[in-house]
């Protein structure tokens, strides 16, 4: 576990990922039960929600791969939303910028570097 003091912004982003992933997991779970066609798509959606939960949890522990996973997760959503309404794309882009700002700040970088070095 990382002994560096966790910045508040990392705690907030981590908790948001856990909450959003959990809500998405519960919300989309009925699709797994109700679909015989498109089951693969429903399983992929659930997997994406699990990724958010895992990244959020491991960011709380200061693991650097989780920070990059969280950034990839929001980047994936930005790309997907580009094929939807302009407002949806703009909102995902704004959220992505805020998350990137929060997770790439020097304080966050120090926290994720911690005592273990850059490779973790």
Protein backbone atom coordinates (compact mmCIF):
# COMPACT_ATOMS: atom_id res chain seq x y z
CA UNK A 1 0.00 0.00 0.00
CA UNK A 2 1.15 3.52 -0.75
CA UNK A 3 2.26 5.44 2.34
CA UNK A 4 2.20 8.81 0.59
CA UNK A 5 -0.74 10.98 1.73
CA UNK A 6 -3.53 10.64 -0.81
CA UNK A 7 -4.58 13.98 -2.35
CA UNK A 8 -8.26 14.79 -1.83
CA UNK A 9 -8.84 15.08 -5.58
CA UNK A 10 -7.60 11.49 -6.06
CA UNK A 11 -9.97 10.30 -3.34
CA UNK A 12 -12.87 12.11 -5.01
CA UNK A 13 -12.11 10.77 -8.50
CA UNK A 14 -11.59 7.25 -7.14
CA UNK A 15 -14.92 7.32 -5.31
CA UNK A 16 -16.68 8.71 -8.39
CA UNK A 17 -15.32 5.80 -10.44
CA UNK A 18 -16.48 3.29 -7.85
CA UNK A 19 -19.95 4.85 -7.62
CA UNK A 20 -20.40 5.30 -11.39
CA UNK A 21 -19.19 1.76 -12.04
CA UNK A 22 -21.50 0.32 -9.40
CA UNK A 23 -24.53 2.27 -10.61
CA UNK A 24 -23.78 1.26 -14.20
CA UNK A 25 -23.32 -2.37 -13.20
CA UNK A 26 -26.66 -2.47 -11.40
CA UNK A 27 -28.47 -0.43 -14.07
CA UNK A 28 -27.29 -2.61 -16.97
CA UNK A 29 -27.56 -5.95 -15.14
CA UNK A 30 -31.13 -6.49 -16.31
CA UNK A 31 -29.81 -6.53 -19.89
CA UNK A 32 -27.89 -9.70 -19.06
CA UNK A 33 -31.07 -11.35 -17.82
CA UNK A 34 -33.43 -10.13 -20.52
CA UNK A 35 -31.33 -10.57 -23.66
CA UNK A 36 -30.66 -13.72 -25.54
CA UNK A 37 -29.49 -11.80 -28.58
CA UNK A 38 -26.91 -9.17 -27.80
CA UNK A 39 -25.76 -11.04 -24.70
CA UNK A 40 -22.15 -10.44 -25.70
CA UNK A 41 -22.76 -6.68 -25.85
CA UNK A 42 -24.43 -6.72 -22.43
CA UNK A 43 -21.46 -8.64 -21.01
CA UNK A 44 -19.03 -6.11 -22.50
CA UNK A 45 -20.97 -3.23 -20.92
CA UNK A 46 -20.81 -4.98 -17.54
CA UNK A 47 -17.07 -5.58 -18.00
CA UNK A 48 -16.52 -1.88 -18.71
CA UNK A 49 -18.42 -1.01 -15.51
CA UNK A 50 -16.25 -3.48 -13.56
CA UNK A 51 -13.14 -1.80 -14.94
CA UNK A 52 -14.33 1.51 -13.47
CA UNK A 53 -14.85 -0.09 -10.04
CA UNK A 54 -11.46 -1.84 -10.11
CA UNK A 55 -9.62 1.30 -11.24
CA UNK A 56 -11.35 3.40 -8.56
CA UNK A 57 -10.52 0.93 -5.81
CA UNK A 58 -6.89 0.48 -6.78
CA UNK A 59 -6.38 4.23 -7.22
CA UNK A 60 -7.29 4.54 -3.54
CA UNK A 61 -4.38 2.20 -2.85
CA UNK A 62 -2.07 4.35 -4.95
CA UNK A 63 -1.42 1.93 -7.80
CA UNK A 64 -0.23 3.78 -10.87
CA UNK A 65 -1.69 1.31 -13.40
CA UNK A 66 -5.14 2.10 -11.99
CA UNK A 67 -4.66 5.80 -12.69
CA UNK A 68 -3.79 5.06 -16.31
CA UNK A 69 -6.65 2.58 -16.53
CA UNK A 70 -9.04 5.25 -15.28
CA UNK A 71 -7.76 7.69 -17.90
CA UNK A 72 -8.16 5.04 -20.61
CA UNK A 73 -11.68 4.32 -19.33
CA UNK A 74 -12.82 7.92 -19.71
CA UNK A 75 -11.00 8.23 -23.07
CA UNK A 76 -12.97 5.18 -24.26
CA UNK A 77 -16.21 6.89 -23.22
CA UNK A 78 -15.21 10.10 -24.98
CA UNK A 79 -14.60 8.19 -28.22
CA UNK A 80 -17.91 6.31 -27.88
CA UNK A 81 -19.85 9.50 -27.17
CA UNK A 82 -18.43 11.09 -30.33
CA UNK A 83 -20.91 8.91 -32.23
CA UNK A 84 -23.87 10.21 -30.18
CA UNK A 85 -25.37 13.64 -29.56
CA UNK A 86 -23.02 16.62 -29.49
CA UNK A 87 -24.10 17.43 -25.92
CA UNK A 88 -23.16 13.91 -24.76
CA UNK A 89 -19.76 14.20 -26.42
CA UNK A 90 -19.17 17.64 -24.92
CA UNK A 91 -20.11 16.41 -21.43
CA UNK A 92 -17.83 13.35 -21.65
CA UNK A 93 -15.03 15.53 -22.98
CA UNK A 94 -15.44 18.02 -20.12
CA UNK A 95 -15.50 15.22 -17.55
CA UNK A 96 -12.44 13.68 -19.21
CA UNK A 97 -10.52 16.94 -19.02
CA UNK A 98 -11.38 17.35 -15.33
CA UNK A 99 -10.34 13.75 -14.56
CA UNK A 100 -7.10 14.11 -16.52
CA UNK A 101 -6.35 17.37 -14.71
CA UNK A 102 -6.99 15.69 -11.35
CA UNK A 103 -4.99 12.54 -11.99
CA UNK A 104 -2.04 14.14 -13.79
CA UNK A 105 -1.37 16.91 -11.26
CA UNK A 106 2.07 16.84 -9.60
CA UNK A 107 0.53 15.91 -6.21
CA UNK A 108 -1.27 12.96 -7.79
CA UNK A 109 1.86 11.89 -9.66
CA UNK A 110 3.81 11.88 -6.37
CA UNK A 111 1.07 9.86 -4.69
CA UNK A 112 0.98 7.26 -7.45
CA UNK A 113 4.78 7.10 -7.55
CA UNK A 114 4.80 6.59 -3.79
CA UNK A 115 7.59 4.61 -2.19
CA UNK A 116 7.61 1.87 -4.81
CA UNK A 117 8.93 3.84 -7.76
CA UNK A 118 7.55 4.56 -11.22
CA UNK A 119 7.02 0.99 -12.43
CA UNK A 120 4.02 0.12 -10.23
